[in-house]
Amino acid sequence: MQKQSAFTLIELLISMAVLMILISVASQSYNRLFAHQALTASGERLYQFLRLANSQSVKYNKKVYVHFCQQGTTDRWMMALSEQSACDCFTDNSCLLDGLQQRAELSDGKLVSTSVDDITFNGLQASYNPMRFSVNAGSVILKDNNGYKLKVIQSTMRLRICTPNGPQLGYKQC
């Protein structure tokens, strides 16, 4: 008779236990990375949206507003460009700039969140005049579910992204 080599039940169970431990560690790292990427994307989207508002005010030679709207009592927020001082980002054709609707998600409330206390623009809106350095200053803090934060600051002179809690995610501390 020939002796056949095979795995014993104990070897198979030990291998499966080690594999499950590795998968659980990798899963946590993957979720953290995914949350960091969502936070960075939301911060960059807000930064570009504010830059767009500034350039549109010069292009159309009129005051342009960026409205920050919360959906009910949820943590979901939208932002929209408008030439009116009041609008609802969640209602179609409520926020129009030169007849076009321009809106984007600010936070989904799951991976990235913000709150009324984290938005320091007066009346939850940023405004841009066509004249240079004619903006209302304010900031928005975005948070991921791991506690990391990004802050987008609009001063009268410049727009920037930083982190309130020391250098993180490739950004400098505020």
C-alpha atoms as a PDB file:
ATOM      1  CA  MET A   1       0.000   0.000   0.000  1.00  0.00           C
ATOM      2  CA  GLN A   2       1.104   3.509  -0.740  1.00  0.00           C
ATOM      3  CA  LYS A   3       0.881   6.221   1.857  1.00  0.00           C
ATOM      4  CA  GLN A   4      -1.194   9.221   0.650  1.00  0.00           C
ATOM      5  CA  SER A   5      -0.420  12.698   1.914  1.00  0.00           C
ATOM      6  CA  ALA A   6      -3.425  14.819   2.856  1.00  0.00           C
ATOM      7  CA  PHE A   7      -4.508  17.446   5.350  1.00  0.00           C
ATOM      8  CA  THR A   8      -5.869  16.341   8.654  1.00  0.00           C
ATOM      9  CA  LEU A   9      -8.988  17.901  10.058  1.00  0.00           C
ATOM     10  CA  ILE A  10      -6.991  19.812  12.693  1.00  0.00           C
ATOM     11  CA  GLU A  11      -4.629  21.289  10.078  1.00  0.00           C
ATOM     12  CA  LEU A  12      -7.587  22.370   7.989  1.00  0.00           C
ATOM     13  CA  LEU A  13      -9.311  24.024  10.978  1.00  0.00           C
ATOM     14  CA  ILE A  14      -6.133  25.880  11.981  1.00  0.00           C
ATOM     15  CA  SER A  15      -5.677  27.114   8.416  1.00  0.00           C
ATOM     16  CA  MET A  16      -9.273  28.345   8.294  1.00  0.00           C
ATOM     17  CA  ALA A  17      -8.903  30.163  11.649  1.00  0.00           C
ATOM     18  CA  VAL A  18      -5.753  31.960  10.482  1.00  0.00           C
ATOM     19  CA  LEU A  19      -7.455  32.892   7.216  1.00  0.00           C
ATOM     20  CA  MET A  20     -10.488  34.325   9.058  1.00  0.00           C
ATOM     21  CA  ILE A  21      -8.245  36.449  11.308  1.00  0.00           C
ATOM     22  CA  LEU A  22      -6.423  37.845   8.277  1.00  0.00           C
ATOM     23  CA  ILE A  23      -9.700  38.636   6.514  1.00  0.00           C
ATOM     24  CA  SER A  24     -11.110  40.474   9.558  1.00  0.00           C
ATOM     25  CA  VAL A  25      -7.969  42.623   9.906  1.00  0.00           C
ATOM     26  CA  ALA A  26      -7.923  43.405   6.172  1.00  0.00           C
ATOM     27  CA  SER A  27     -11.639  44.263   6.228  1.00  0.00           C
ATOM     28  CA  GLN A  28     -11.183  46.859   8.988  1.00  0.00           C
ATOM     29  CA  SER A  29      -8.261  48.437   7.137  1.00  0.00           C
ATOM     30  CA  TYR A  30     -10.250  48.501   3.912  1.00  0.00           C
ATOM     31  CA  ASN A  31     -13.240  50.182   5.599  1.00  0.00           C
ATOM     32  CA  ARG A  32     -10.978  52.823   7.163  1.00  0.00           C
ATOM     33  CA  LEU A  33      -9.318  53.509   3.808  1.00  0.00           C
ATOM     34  CA  PHE A  34     -12.701  53.760   2.092  1.00  0.00           C
ATOM     35  CA  ALA A  35     -13.927  56.280   4.719  1.00  0.00           C
ATOM     36  CA  HIS A  36     -10.754  58.376   4.311  1.00  0.00           C
ATOM     37  CA  GLN A  37     -11.213  58.445   0.540  1.00  0.00           C
ATOM     38  CA  ALA A  38     -14.862  59.485   0.882  1.00  0.00           C
ATOM     39  CA  LEU A  39     -13.891  62.302   3.269  1.00  0.00           C
ATOM     40  CA  THR A  40     -11.146  63.555   0.960  1.00  0.00           C
ATOM     41  CA  ALA A  41     -13.499  63.423  -2.043  1.00  0.00           C
ATOM     42  CA  SER A  42     -16.175  65.411  -0.181  1.00  0.00           C
ATOM     43  CA  GLY A  43     -13.650  68.044   0.901  1.00  0.00           C
ATOM     44  CA  GLU A  44     -12.305  68.414  -2.630  1.00  0.00           C
ATOM     45  CA  ARG A  45     -15.853  68.566  -4.048  1.00  0.00           C
ATOM     46  CA  LEU A  46     -16.748  71.389  -1.637  1.00  0.00           C
ATOM     47  CA  TYR A  47     -13.520  73.245  -2.443  1.00  0.00           C
ATOM     48  CA  GLN A  48     -14.169  73.030  -6.202  1.00  0.00           C
ATOM     49  CA  PHE A  49     -17.833  74.006  -5.758  1.00  0.00           C
ATOM     50  CA  LEU A  50     -16.854  77.185  -3.898  1.00  0.00           C
ATOM     51  CA  ARG A  51     -14.261  77.975  -6.581  1.00  0.00           C
ATOM     52  CA  LEU A  52     -16.934  77.488  -9.236  1.00  0.00           C
ATOM     53  CA  ALA A  53     -19.263  79.906  -7.423  1.00  0.00           C
ATOM     54  CA  ASN A  54     -16.544  82.529  -7.317  1.00  0.00           C
ATOM     55  CA  SER A  55     -15.792  82.198 -11.031  1.00  0.00           C
ATOM     56  CA  GLN A  56     -19.508  82.199 -11.948  1.00  0.00           C
ATOM     57  CA  SER A  57     -20.051  85.466 -10.076  1.00  0.00           C
ATOM     58  CA  VAL A  58     -17.334  87.066 -12.206  1.00  0.00           C
ATOM     59  CA  LYS A  59     -18.610  85.421 -15.403  1.00  0.00           C
ATOM     60  CA  TYR A  60     -22.218  86.576 -14.944  1.00  0.00           C
ATOM     61  CA  ASN A  61     -21.262  89.817 -13.148  1.00  0.00           C
ATOM     62  CA  LYS A  62     -23.736  89.202 -10.327  1.00  0.00           C
ATOM     63  CA  LYS A  63     -23.855  87.917  -6.786  1.00  0.00           C
ATOM     64  CA  VAL A  64     -23.815  84.117  -6.548  1.00  0.00           C
ATOM     65  CA  TYR A  65     -24.854  82.117  -3.492  1.00  0.00           C
ATOM     66  CA  VAL A  66     -23.802  78.643  -2.400  1.00  0.00           C
ATOM     67  CA  HIS A  67     -26.584  77.182  -0.263  1.00  0.00           C
ATOM     68  CA  PHE A  68     -26.003  74.366   2.220  1.00  0.00           C
ATOM     69  CA  CYS A  69     -29.192  72.375   2.783  1.00  0.00           C
ATOM     70  CA  GLN A  70     -29.910  69.564   5.238  1.00  0.00           C
ATOM     71  CA  GLN A  71     -32.421  66.864   4.328  1.00  0.00           C
ATOM     72  CA  GLY A  72     -34.887  66.953   7.217  1.00  0.00           C
ATOM     73  CA  THR A  73     -33.194  65.838  10.423  1.00  0.00           C
ATOM     74  CA  THR A  74     -30.771  63.449   8.703  1.00  0.00           C
ATOM     75  CA  ASP A  75     -27.040  63.963   8.293  1.00  0.00           C
ATOM     76  CA  ARG A  76     -27.401  64.175   4.511  1.00  0.00           C
ATOM     77  CA  TRP A  77     -26.435  67.577   3.112  1.00  0.00           C
ATOM     78  CA  MET A  78     -26.478  69.062  -0.388  1.00  0.00           C
ATOM     79  CA  MET A  79     -25.045  72.291  -1.789  1.00  0.00           C
ATOM     80  CA  ALA A  80     -26.355  74.316  -4.696  1.00  0.00           C
ATOM     81  CA  LEU A  81     -25.486  77.446  -6.679  1.00  0.00           C
ATOM     82  CA  SER A  82     -28.133  80.126  -7.041  1.00  0.00           C
ATOM     83  CA  GLU A  83     -28.593  83.779  -7.824  1.00  0.00           C
ATOM     84  CA  GLN A  84     -31.386  83.957  -5.213  1.00  0.00           C
ATOM     85  CA  SER A  85     -30.653  84.380  -1.517  1.00  0.00           C
ATOM     86  CA  ALA A  86     -33.000  81.499  -0.608  1.00  0.00           C
ATOM     87  CA  CYS A  87     -33.569  78.082  -2.141  1.00  0.00           C
ATOM     88  CA  ASP A  88     -33.960  74.383  -1.261  1.00  0.00           C
ATOM     89  CA  CYS A  89     -31.164  72.186  -2.605  1.00  0.00           C
ATOM     90  CA  PHE A  90     -33.375  69.067  -2.503  1.00  0.00           C
ATOM     91  CA  THR A  91     -36.177  70.553  -4.633  1.00  0.00           C
ATOM     92  CA  ASP A  92     -35.685  70.377  -8.393  1.00  0.00           C
ATOM     93  CA  ASN A  93     -35.262  73.760 -10.105  1.00  0.00           C
ATOM     94  CA  SER A  94     -35.387  75.629  -6.790  1.00  0.00           C
ATOM     95  CA  CYS A  95     -31.745  76.706  -6.992  1.00  0.00           C
ATOM     96  CA  LEU A  96     -30.933  78.082 -10.430  1.00  0.00           C
ATOM     97  CA  LEU A  97     -28.004  80.059 -11.745  1.00  0.00           C
ATOM     98  CA  ASP A  98     -28.591  81.564 -15.185  1.00  0.00           C
ATOM     99  CA  GLY A  99     -31.415  79.059 -15.714  1.00  0.00           C
ATOM    100  CA  LEU A 100     -29.286  76.011 -14.870  1.00  0.00           C
ATOM    101  CA  GLN A 101     -29.470  73.814 -11.799  1.00  0.00           C
ATOM    102  CA  GLN A 102     -26.063  73.146 -10.255  1.00  0.00           C
ATOM    103  CA  ARG A 103     -26.014  71.104  -7.074  1.00  0.00           C
ATOM    104  CA  ALA A 104     -23.869  68.417  -5.472  1.00  0.00           C
ATOM    105  CA  GLU A 105     -23.822  66.214  -2.406  1.00  0.00           C
ATOM    106  CA  LEU A 106     -21.927  67.663   0.543  1.00  0.00           C
ATOM    107  CA  SER A 107     -22.244  64.684   2.900  1.00  0.00           C
ATOM    108  CA  ASP A 108     -24.093  61.388   2.713  1.00  0.00           C
ATOM    109  CA  GLY A 109     -24.534  61.002   6.478  1.00  0.00           C
ATOM    110  CA  LYS A 110     -23.022  57.509   6.424  1.00  0.00           C
ATOM    111  CA  LEU A 111     -19.336  57.762   5.519  1.00  0.00           C
ATOM    112  CA  VAL A 112     -19.086  61.560   5.685  1.00  0.00           C
ATOM    113  CA  SER A 113     -21.129  63.867   7.892  1.00  0.00           C
ATOM    114  CA  THR A 114     -21.444  67.482   8.930  1.00  0.00           C
ATOM    115  CA  SER A 115     -23.839  69.457  11.103  1.00  0.00           C
ATOM    116  CA  VAL A 116     -25.299  72.942  11.421  1.00  0.00           C
ATOM    117  CA  ASP A 117     -22.647  73.720  14.044  1.00  0.00           C
ATOM    118  CA  ASP A 118     -19.888  72.754  11.583  1.00  0.00           C
ATOM    119  CA  ILE A 119     -20.973  75.323   8.960  1.00  0.00           C
ATOM    120  CA  THR A 120     -19.982  78.874   9.935  1.00  0.00           C
ATOM    121  CA  PHE A 121     -21.226  80.721   6.835  1.00  0.00           C
ATOM    122  CA  ASN A 122     -23.985  83.208   7.744  1.00  0.00           C
ATOM    123  CA  GLY A 123     -27.411  81.750   7.092  1.00  0.00           C
ATOM    124  CA  LEU A 124     -25.882  78.460   5.846  1.00  0.00           C
ATOM    125  CA  GLN A 125     -24.824  80.122   2.617  1.00  0.00           C
ATOM    126  CA  ALA A 126     -21.652  81.484   1.103  1.00  0.00           C
ATOM    127  CA  SER A 127     -21.931  84.439  -1.236  1.00  0.00           C
ATOM    128  CA  TYR A 128     -19.600  85.752  -3.909  1.00  0.00           C
ATOM    129  CA  ASN A 129     -19.704  89.167  -5.557  1.00  0.00           C
ATOM    130  CA  PRO A 130     -18.052  89.851  -8.918  1.00  0.00           C
ATOM    131  CA  MET A 131     -15.642  92.296  -7.287  1.00  0.00           C
ATOM    132  CA  ARG A 132     -12.364  90.810  -6.134  1.00  0.00           C
ATOM    133  CA  PHE A 133     -12.117  89.853  -2.423  1.00  0.00           C
ATOM    134  CA  SER A 134     -15.848  90.415  -1.977  1.00  0.00           C
ATOM    135  CA  VAL A 135     -16.928  87.167  -0.309  1.00  0.00           C
ATOM    136  CA  ASN A 136     -18.424  86.342   3.048  1.00  0.00           C
ATOM    137  CA  ALA A 137     -15.943  84.365   5.107  1.00  0.00           C
ATOM    138  CA  GLY A 138     -16.826  81.042   6.705  1.00  0.00           C
ATOM    139  CA  SER A 139     -15.928  77.389   6.909  1.00  0.00           C
ATOM    140  CA  VAL A 140     -17.328  73.861   6.755  1.00  0.00           C
ATOM    141  CA  ILE A 141     -16.031  70.906   8.765  1.00  0.00           C
ATOM    142  CA  LEU A 142     -16.543  67.437   7.302  1.00  0.00           C
ATOM    143  CA  LYS A 143     -16.066  64.275   9.409  1.00  0.00           C
ATOM    144  CA  ASP A 144     -15.756  60.600   8.570  1.00  0.00           C
ATOM    145  CA  ASN A 145     -16.983  57.762  10.777  1.00  0.00           C
ATOM    146  CA  ASN A 146     -13.431  57.165  12.110  1.00  0.00           C
ATOM    147  CA  GLY A 147     -13.166  60.643  13.651  1.00  0.00           C
ATOM    148  CA  TYR A 148     -11.003  62.261  10.970  1.00  0.00           C
ATOM    149  CA  LYS A 149     -11.942  65.820   9.981  1.00  0.00           C
ATOM    150  CA  LEU A 150     -11.344  68.168   7.063  1.00  0.00           C
ATOM    151  CA  LYS A 151     -12.061  71.872   7.206  1.00  0.00           C
ATOM    152  CA  VAL A 152     -12.683  73.992   4.110  1.00  0.00           C
ATOM    153  CA  ILE A 153     -12.066  77.652   4.964  1.00  0.00           C
ATOM    154  CA  GLN A 154     -13.140  80.611   2.826  1.00  0.00           C
ATOM    155  CA  SER A 155     -11.483  83.824   3.959  1.00  0.00           C
ATOM    156  CA  THR A 156     -11.692  87.137   2.125  1.00  0.00           C
ATOM    157  CA  MET A 157      -8.320  86.453   0.510  1.00  0.00           C
ATOM    158  CA  ARG A 158      -8.240  82.703  -0.187  1.00  0.00           C
ATOM    159  CA  LEU A 159      -9.893  79.307  -0.072  1.00  0.00           C
ATOM    160  CA  ARG A 160      -8.101  76.337   1.502  1.00  0.00           C
ATOM    161  CA  ILE A 161      -8.494  72.841   2.929  1.00  0.00           C
ATOM    162  CA  CYS A 162      -6.840  71.849   6.203  1.00  0.00           C
ATOM    163  CA  THR A 163      -7.321  69.538   9.183  1.00  0.00           C
ATOM    164  CA  PRO A 164      -8.233  70.810  12.654  1.00  0.00           C
ATOM    165  CA  ASN A 165      -6.446  67.952  14.483  1.00  0.00           C
ATOM    166  CA  GLY A 166      -2.904  68.020  13.122  1.00  0.00           C
ATOM    167  CA  PRO A 167      -1.640  67.010   9.690  1.00  0.00           C
ATOM    168  CA  GLN A 168      -3.763  64.157   8.314  1.00  0.00           C
ATOM    169  CA  LEU A 169      -4.845  62.732   4.977  1.00  0.00           C
ATOM    170  CA  GLY A 170      -2.206  64.785   3.163  1.00  0.00           C
ATOM    171  CA  TYR A 171      -3.406  68.178   4.466  1.00  0.00           C
ATOM    172  CA  LYS A 172      -1.728  70.618   6.830  1.00  0.00           C
ATOM    173  CA  GLN A 173      -3.144  71.600  10.209  1.00  0.00           C
ATOM    174  CA  CYS A 174      -5.366  74.687  10.302  1.00  0.00           C
END
